[in-house]
Amino acid sequence: MYSSTAGVGSSLQHLKRFPDYQHNQLLIMAGLEMTIAYELLEARRRIWSSIFWKRSNSATKFAVNKKMEGIAFDAGTSIVNSGKLLNQYYDQHGIDDLDREAWSQIIMSLISADRWLKEHFGVDCMSKQLKIDL
């Protein structure tokens, strides 16, 4: 499992235990974005593990790499979107002192996931090649 997958998963688990999670639309949407990011990163890992890199031809390697670049971009986008939603929640509602540690865990796990994703797949996360089928 990638560290970014673990970070997003940890952030999602902390968010689901957050007191206001079931009652606030922003937190629910942030949770959905984190779930999307987690599933995309897990799919990327499965794709990477499914190919025999030394025995595959260059066309297969190229196609798989392009697919994984798109997945990394989409996962990064979902991480950023969830962060924006969490920021909106904080701006609107603030955090009680009792919830401050749980909130800190959510944010730090998400930041760590984003940092790891950018360190390892930064080029993939910068842009996504659009395909037009004619």
N, C-alpha and C. Protein backbone atom coordinates (compact mmCIF):
# COMPACT_ATOMS: atom_id res chain seq x y z
N MET A 1 0.85 -1.18 0.00
CA MET A 1 0.00 0.00 0.00
C MET A 1 0.89 1.24 0.00
N TYR A 2 0.54 2.20 -0.82
CA TYR A 2 1.27 3.45 -0.84
C TYR A 2 1.04 4.21 0.48
N SER A 3 2.00 5.02 0.84
CA SER A 3 1.82 5.86 2.04
C SER A 3 0.68 6.84 1.85
N SER A 4 0.48 7.29 0.62
CA SER A 4 -0.63 8.22 0.39
C SER A 4 -1.97 7.52 0.58
N THR A 5 -2.05 6.26 0.19
CA THR A 5 -3.28 5.50 0.40
C THR A 5 -3.55 5.35 1.89
N ALA A 6 -2.51 5.03 2.64
CA ALA A 6 -2.65 4.90 4.09
C ALA A 6 -3.03 6.23 4.73
N GLY A 7 -2.44 7.32 4.26
CA GLY A 7 -2.77 8.63 4.81
C GLY A 7 -4.20 9.03 4.56
N VAL A 8 -4.67 8.80 3.33
CA VAL A 8 -6.06 9.12 3.00
C VAL A 8 -7.00 8.23 3.81
N GLY A 9 -6.67 6.94 3.91
CA GLY A 9 -7.49 6.02 4.68
C GLY A 9 -7.56 6.40 6.14
N SER A 10 -6.43 6.80 6.71
CA SER A 10 -6.39 7.24 8.11
C SER A 10 -7.22 8.50 8.30
N SER A 11 -7.07 9.44 7.40
CA SER A 11 -7.84 10.69 7.48
C SER A 11 -9.34 10.40 7.40
N LEU A 12 -9.72 9.49 6.52
CA LEU A 12 -11.12 9.13 6.35
C LEU A 12 -11.67 8.46 7.61
N GLN A 13 -10.90 7.58 8.22
CA GLN A 13 -11.35 6.92 9.45
C GLN A 13 -11.52 7.92 10.59
N HIS A 14 -10.59 8.85 10.71
CA HIS A 14 -10.72 9.90 11.74
C HIS A 14 -11.93 10.79 11.46
N LEU A 15 -12.16 11.09 10.19
CA LEU A 15 -13.30 11.94 9.82
C LEU A 15 -14.62 11.24 10.16
N LYS A 16 -14.70 9.95 9.89
CA LYS A 16 -15.93 9.23 10.18
C LYS A 16 -16.25 9.18 11.67
N ARG A 17 -15.23 9.29 12.51
CA ARG A 17 -15.44 9.32 13.97
C ARG A 17 -15.65 10.73 14.51
N PHE A 18 -15.50 11.72 13.63
CA PHE A 18 -15.67 13.10 14.06
C PHE A 18 -17.14 13.34 14.42
N PRO A 19 -17.41 14.04 15.54
CA PRO A 19 -18.79 14.16 16.03
C PRO A 19 -19.81 14.70 15.04
N ASP A 20 -19.44 15.65 14.21
CA ASP A 20 -20.39 16.30 13.31
C ASP A 20 -20.47 15.64 11.94
N TYR A 21 -19.76 14.52 11.74
CA TYR A 21 -19.65 13.92 10.41
C TYR A 21 -20.99 13.55 9.80
N GLN A 22 -21.86 12.92 10.52
CA GLN A 22 -23.14 12.45 9.98
C GLN A 22 -24.14 13.58 9.73
N HIS A 23 -23.87 14.77 10.28
CA HIS A 23 -24.86 15.84 10.25
C HIS A 23 -24.45 17.05 9.41
N ASN A 24 -23.28 17.01 8.81
CA ASN A 24 -22.82 18.18 8.07
C ASN A 24 -22.48 17.79 6.63
N GLN A 25 -23.09 18.49 5.69
CA GLN A 25 -22.92 18.18 4.28
C GLN A 25 -21.48 18.35 3.81
N LEU A 26 -20.78 19.36 4.31
CA LEU A 26 -19.39 19.57 3.90
C LEU A 26 -18.51 18.40 4.32
N LEU A 27 -18.70 17.90 5.53
CA LEU A 27 -17.90 16.78 6.00
C LEU A 27 -18.25 15.49 5.25
N ILE A 28 -19.51 15.31 4.93
CA ILE A 28 -19.91 14.13 4.16
C ILE A 28 -19.28 14.18 2.77
N MET A 29 -19.31 15.35 2.13
CA MET A 29 -18.70 15.50 0.81
C MET A 29 -17.19 15.31 0.87
N ALA A 30 -16.55 15.82 1.93
CA ALA A 30 -15.10 15.61 2.10
C ALA A 30 -14.80 14.12 2.26
N GLY A 31 -15.66 13.42 2.99
CA GLY A 31 -15.49 11.98 3.14
C GLY A 31 -15.62 11.25 1.81
N LEU A 32 -16.56 11.70 0.98
CA LEU A 32 -16.71 11.08 -0.35
C LEU A 32 -15.48 11.32 -1.21
N GLU A 33 -14.94 12.53 -1.16
CA GLU A 33 -13.71 12.83 -1.92
C GLU A 33 -12.55 11.97 -1.43
N MET A 34 -12.44 11.80 -0.11
CA MET A 34 -11.38 10.95 0.42
C MET A 34 -11.57 9.50 0.00
N THR A 35 -12.80 9.05 -0.04
CA THR A 35 -13.08 7.68 -0.47
C THR A 35 -12.68 7.50 -1.93
N ILE A 36 -12.98 8.48 -2.76
CA ILE A 36 -12.59 8.43 -4.17
C ILE A 36 -11.07 8.37 -4.29
N ALA A 37 -10.37 9.23 -3.55
CA ALA A 37 -8.91 9.23 -3.60
C ALA A 37 -8.34 7.89 -3.15
N TYR A 38 -8.90 7.35 -2.08
CA TYR A 38 -8.42 6.06 -1.56
C TYR A 38 -8.61 4.96 -2.60
N GLU A 39 -9.78 4.90 -3.19
CA GLU A 39 -10.07 3.86 -4.18
C GLU A 39 -9.19 4.02 -5.42
N LEU A 40 -8.94 5.24 -5.85
CA LEU A 40 -8.08 5.46 -7.00
C LEU A 40 -6.64 5.04 -6.72
N LEU A 41 -6.14 5.39 -5.55
CA LEU A 41 -4.77 5.01 -5.19
C LEU A 41 -4.63 3.49 -5.05
N GLU A 42 -5.65 2.87 -4.52
CA GLU A 42 -5.64 1.41 -4.40
C GLU A 42 -5.70 0.77 -5.79
N ALA A 43 -6.47 1.34 -6.69
CA ALA A 43 -6.54 0.84 -8.07
C ALA A 43 -5.18 1.00 -8.76
N ARG A 44 -4.53 2.11 -8.50
CA ARG A 44 -3.20 2.35 -9.09
C ARG A 44 -2.21 1.29 -8.62
N ARG A 45 -2.27 0.96 -7.34
CA ARG A 45 -1.39 -0.07 -6.79
C ARG A 45 -1.67 -1.43 -7.43
N ARG A 46 -2.95 -1.75 -7.59
CA ARG A 46 -3.32 -3.03 -8.20
C ARG A 46 -2.85 -3.11 -9.66
N ILE A 47 -2.99 -2.01 -10.39
CA ILE A 47 -2.54 -1.98 -11.79
C ILE A 47 -1.02 -2.17 -11.85
N TRP A 48 -0.31 -1.45 -11.00
CA TRP A 48 1.15 -1.56 -10.97
C TRP A 48 1.58 -3.00 -10.67
N SER A 49 0.88 -3.64 -9.76
CA SER A 49 1.25 -5.00 -9.34
C SER A 49 0.81 -6.06 -10.35
N SER A 50 -0.06 -5.72 -11.26
CA SER A 50 -0.64 -6.72 -12.15
C SER A 50 0.20 -6.99 -13.40
N ILE A 51 1.21 -6.20 -13.64
CA ILE A 51 1.97 -6.33 -14.88
C ILE A 51 3.38 -6.86 -14.57
N PHE A 52 3.89 -7.69 -15.46
CA PHE A 52 5.26 -8.15 -15.39
C PHE A 52 6.11 -7.14 -16.16
N TRP A 53 6.73 -6.20 -15.47
CA TRP A 53 7.40 -5.08 -16.11
C TRP A 53 8.59 -5.51 -16.96
N LYS A 54 9.34 -6.51 -16.52
CA LYS A 54 10.52 -6.91 -17.29
C LYS A 54 10.16 -7.64 -18.57
N ARG A 55 9.02 -8.32 -18.58
CA ARG A 55 8.64 -9.11 -19.75
C ARG A 55 7.67 -8.40 -20.68
N SER A 56 7.15 -7.27 -20.27
CA SER A 56 6.16 -6.57 -21.09
C SER A 56 6.83 -5.76 -22.19
N ASN A 57 6.12 -5.65 -23.30
CA ASN A 57 6.67 -4.85 -24.40
C ASN A 57 6.48 -3.36 -24.09
N SER A 58 7.15 -2.54 -24.86
CA SER A 58 7.14 -1.10 -24.57
C SER A 58 5.76 -0.48 -24.76
N ALA A 59 4.96 -0.98 -25.67
CA ALA A 59 3.61 -0.43 -25.88
C ALA A 59 2.74 -0.69 -24.65
N THR A 60 2.85 -1.87 -24.07
CA THR A 60 2.09 -2.18 -22.87
C THR A 60 2.54 -1.31 -21.71
N LYS A 61 3.84 -1.16 -21.55
CA LYS A 61 4.38 -0.32 -20.47
C LYS A 61 3.90 1.12 -20.63
N PHE A 62 3.92 1.63 -21.86
CA PHE A 62 3.49 2.99 -22.12
C PHE A 62 2.01 3.17 -21.77
N ALA A 63 1.18 2.22 -22.21
CA ALA A 63 -0.26 2.31 -21.95
C ALA A 63 -0.56 2.24 -20.46
N VAL A 64 0.12 1.35 -19.76
CA VAL A 64 -0.10 1.22 -18.32
C VAL A 64 0.37 2.48 -17.60
N ASN A 65 1.51 3.02 -17.98
CA ASN A 65 2.00 4.25 -17.35
C ASN A 65 1.05 5.41 -17.57
N LYS A 66 0.49 5.53 -18.77
CA LYS A 66 -0.46 6.61 -19.05
C LYS A 66 -1.71 6.45 -18.18
N LYS A 67 -2.18 5.23 -18.03
CA LYS A 67 -3.35 4.96 -17.19
C LYS A 67 -3.04 5.35 -15.74
N MET A 68 -1.86 4.99 -15.26
CA MET A 68 -1.50 5.29 -13.87
C MET A 68 -1.28 6.78 -13.65
N GLU A 69 -0.80 7.49 -14.66
CA GLU A 69 -0.66 8.95 -14.56
C GLU A 69 -2.02 9.60 -14.35
N GLY A 70 -3.01 9.17 -15.13
CA GLY A 70 -4.36 9.71 -15.00
C GLY A 70 -4.96 9.41 -13.64
N ILE A 71 -4.71 8.22 -13.14
CA ILE A 71 -5.23 7.85 -11.82
C ILE A 71 -4.58 8.70 -10.73
N ALA A 72 -3.27 8.91 -10.82
CA ALA A 72 -2.58 9.74 -9.83
C ALA A 72 -3.11 11.17 -9.85
N PHE A 73 -3.35 11.70 -11.05
CA PHE A 73 -3.90 13.05 -11.17
C PHE A 73 -5.27 13.14 -10.51
N ASP A 74 -6.14 12.18 -10.82
CA ASP A 74 -7.49 12.18 -10.25
C ASP A 74 -7.47 12.02 -8.74
N ALA A 75 -6.58 11.17 -8.23
CA ALA A 75 -6.46 10.99 -6.77
C ALA A 75 -5.99 12.28 -6.11
N GLY A 76 -5.01 12.92 -6.72
CA GLY A 76 -4.53 14.20 -6.18
C GLY A 76 -5.62 15.26 -6.18
N THR A 77 -6.42 15.27 -7.23
CA THR A 77 -7.53 16.22 -7.31
C THR A 77 -8.53 15.97 -6.19
N SER A 78 -8.83 14.71 -5.92
CA SER A 78 -9.77 14.38 -4.85
C SER A 78 -9.22 14.76 -3.48
N ILE A 79 -7.92 14.58 -3.28
CA ILE A 79 -7.30 14.98 -2.01
C ILE A 79 -7.41 16.49 -1.83
N VAL A 80 -7.12 17.24 -2.87
CA VAL A 80 -7.22 18.70 -2.80
C VAL A 80 -8.66 19.13 -2.57
N ASN A 81 -9.60 18.51 -3.25
CA ASN A 81 -11.02 18.85 -3.07
C ASN A 81 -11.47 18.58 -1.64
N SER A 82 -11.05 17.46 -1.07
CA SER A 82 -11.44 17.17 0.31
C SER A 82 -10.83 18.19 1.26
N GLY A 83 -9.61 18.60 0.99
CA GLY A 83 -9.00 19.64 1.82
C GLY A 83 -9.75 20.96 1.74
N LYS A 84 -10.20 21.32 0.56
CA LYS A 84 -10.98 22.56 0.40
C LYS A 84 -12.30 22.47 1.18
N LEU A 85 -12.95 21.30 1.12
CA LEU A 85 -14.20 21.13 1.86
C LEU A 85 -13.98 21.19 3.37
N LEU A 86 -12.89 20.61 3.83
CA LEU A 86 -12.57 20.68 5.26
C LEU A 86 -12.28 22.12 5.68
N ASN A 87 -11.59 22.87 4.82
CA ASN A 87 -11.34 24.28 5.11
C ASN A 87 -12.64 25.07 5.18
N GLN A 88 -13.57 24.80 4.28
CA GLN A 88 -14.88 25.48 4.31
C GLN A 88 -15.61 25.16 5.62
N TYR A 89 -15.56 23.90 6.03
CA TYR A 89 -16.21 23.52 7.29
C TYR A 89 -15.60 24.29 8.45
N TYR A 90 -14.27 24.34 8.49
CA TYR A 90 -13.58 25.04 9.58
C TYR A 90 -13.93 26.53 9.58
N ASP A 91 -13.97 27.14 8.41
CA ASP A 91 -14.30 28.56 8.32
C ASP A 91 -15.73 28.84 8.79
N GLN A 92 -16.65 27.93 8.50
CA GLN A 92 -18.05 28.15 8.86
C GLN A 92 -18.37 27.78 10.30
N HIS A 93 -17.75 26.71 10.80
CA HIS A 93 -18.16 26.17 12.10
C HIS A 93 -17.09 26.23 13.18
N GLY A 94 -15.83 26.30 12.80
CA GLY A 94 -14.77 26.26 13.78
C GLY A 94 -14.68 24.88 14.43
N ILE A 95 -13.76 24.74 15.37
CA ILE A 95 -13.54 23.47 16.04
C ILE A 95 -13.53 23.70 17.55
N ASP A 96 -14.30 22.89 18.28
CA ASP A 96 -14.29 22.96 19.74
C ASP A 96 -12.96 22.43 20.26
N ASP A 97 -12.61 22.83 21.48
CA ASP A 97 -11.38 22.33 22.08
C ASP A 97 -11.41 20.82 22.26
N LEU A 98 -12.59 20.25 22.50
CA LEU A 98 -12.69 18.81 22.67
C LEU A 98 -12.42 18.06 21.37
N ASP A 99 -12.71 18.68 20.25
CA ASP A 99 -12.55 18.04 18.94
C ASP A 99 -11.23 18.40 18.25
N ARG A 100 -10.43 19.24 18.88
CA ARG A 100 -9.23 19.75 18.23
C ARG A 100 -8.23 18.64 17.87
N GLU A 101 -8.05 17.66 18.76
CA GLU A 101 -7.09 16.60 18.46
C GLU A 101 -7.57 15.72 17.30
N ALA A 102 -8.86 15.40 17.27
CA ALA A 102 -9.40 14.59 16.18
C ALA A 102 -9.27 15.36 14.86
N TRP A 103 -9.55 16.65 14.89
CA TRP A 103 -9.43 17.48 13.68
C TRP A 103 -7.98 17.51 13.21
N SER A 104 -7.07 17.63 14.14
CA SER A 104 -5.65 17.65 13.81
C SER A 104 -5.23 16.35 13.13
N GLN A 105 -5.74 15.21 13.60
CA GLN A 105 -5.42 13.93 12.98
C GLN A 105 -5.94 13.86 11.53
N ILE A 106 -7.14 14.36 11.33
CA ILE A 106 -7.72 14.38 9.98
C ILE A 106 -6.84 15.19 9.04
N ILE A 107 -6.50 16.39 9.46
CA ILE A 107 -5.74 17.31 8.60
C ILE A 107 -4.33 16.80 8.36
N MET A 108 -3.65 16.35 9.42
CA MET A 108 -2.26 15.91 9.27
C MET A 108 -2.15 14.66 8.38
N SER A 109 -3.09 13.74 8.51
CA SER A 109 -3.07 12.55 7.66
C SER A 109 -3.29 12.93 6.21
N LEU A 110 -4.20 13.86 5.96
CA LEU A 110 -4.47 14.29 4.60
C LEU A 110 -3.28 15.05 4.00
N ILE A 111 -2.65 15.90 4.80
CA ILE A 111 -1.46 16.63 4.34
C ILE A 111 -0.33 15.65 4.02
N SER A 112 -0.14 14.66 4.88
CA SER A 112 0.90 13.65 4.64
C SER A 112 0.63 12.87 3.35
N ALA A 113 -0.62 12.51 3.13
CA ALA A 113 -0.98 11.79 1.91
C ALA A 113 -0.69 12.64 0.67
N ASP A 114 -1.06 13.91 0.72
CA ASP A 114 -0.83 14.82 -0.39
C ASP A 114 0.67 15.00 -0.64
N ARG A 115 1.42 15.18 0.42
CA ARG A 115 2.88 15.37 0.31
C ARG A 115 3.53 14.13 -0.31
N TRP A 116 3.15 12.95 0.17
CA TRP A 116 3.74 11.72 -0.35
C TRP A 116 3.38 11.54 -1.82
N LEU A 117 2.14 11.81 -2.18
CA LEU A 117 1.71 11.66 -3.57
C LEU A 117 2.50 12.60 -4.47
N LYS A 118 2.70 13.82 -4.05
CA LYS A 118 3.44 14.79 -4.87
C LYS A 118 4.93 14.46 -4.94
N GLU A 119 5.49 13.91 -3.86
CA GLU A 119 6.91 13.54 -3.88
C GLU A 119 7.16 12.38 -4.84
N HIS A 120 6.28 11.41 -4.86
CA HIS A 120 6.51 10.21 -5.66
C HIS A 120 5.88 10.26 -7.05
N PHE A 121 4.79 10.97 -7.19
CA PHE A 121 4.10 11.01 -8.47
C PHE A 121 3.81 12.45 -8.88
N GLY A 122 4.69 13.37 -8.51
CA GLY A 122 4.46 14.78 -8.76
C GLY A 122 4.23 15.13 -10.21
N VAL A 123 5.02 14.54 -11.10
CA VAL A 123 4.87 14.81 -12.53
C VAL A 123 3.51 14.31 -13.00
N ASP A 124 3.11 13.13 -12.50
CA ASP A 124 1.82 12.57 -12.89
C ASP A 124 0.66 13.44 -12.41
N CYS A 125 0.84 14.10 -11.28
CA CYS A 125 -0.23 14.89 -10.68
C CYS A 125 -0.33 16.30 -11.26
N MET A 126 0.65 16.71 -12.04
CA MET A 126 0.66 18.08 -12.56
C MET A 126 -0.32 18.29 -13.70
N SER A 127 -0.50 17.28 -14.53
CA SER A 127 -1.41 17.44 -15.66
C SER A 127 -1.95 16.07 -16.06
N LYS A 128 -3.00 16.12 -16.81
CA LYS A 128 -3.62 14.89 -17.29
C LYS A 128 -3.86 15.04 -18.79
N GLN A 129 -3.38 14.08 -19.53
CA GLN A 129 -3.56 14.11 -20.97
C GLN A 129 -5.00 13.76 -21.30
N LEU A 130 -5.65 14.64 -22.00
CA LEU A 130 -7.02 14.37 -22.44
C LEU A 130 -7.00 13.57 -23.72
N LYS A 131 -7.91 12.61 -23.81
CA LYS A 131 -8.00 11.80 -25.01
C LYS A 131 -9.29 12.12 -25.74
N ILE A 132 -9.18 12.22 -27.03
CA ILE A 132 -10.35 12.45 -27.87
C ILE A 132 -10.46 11.26 -28.82
N ASP A 133 -11.52 10.51 -28.66
CA ASP A 133 -11.76 9.37 -29.55
C ASP A 133 -12.51 9.86 -30.77
N LEU A 134 -11.93 9.65 -31.91
CA LEU A 134 -12.57 10.07 -33.16
C LEU A 134 -13.13 8.90 -33.89
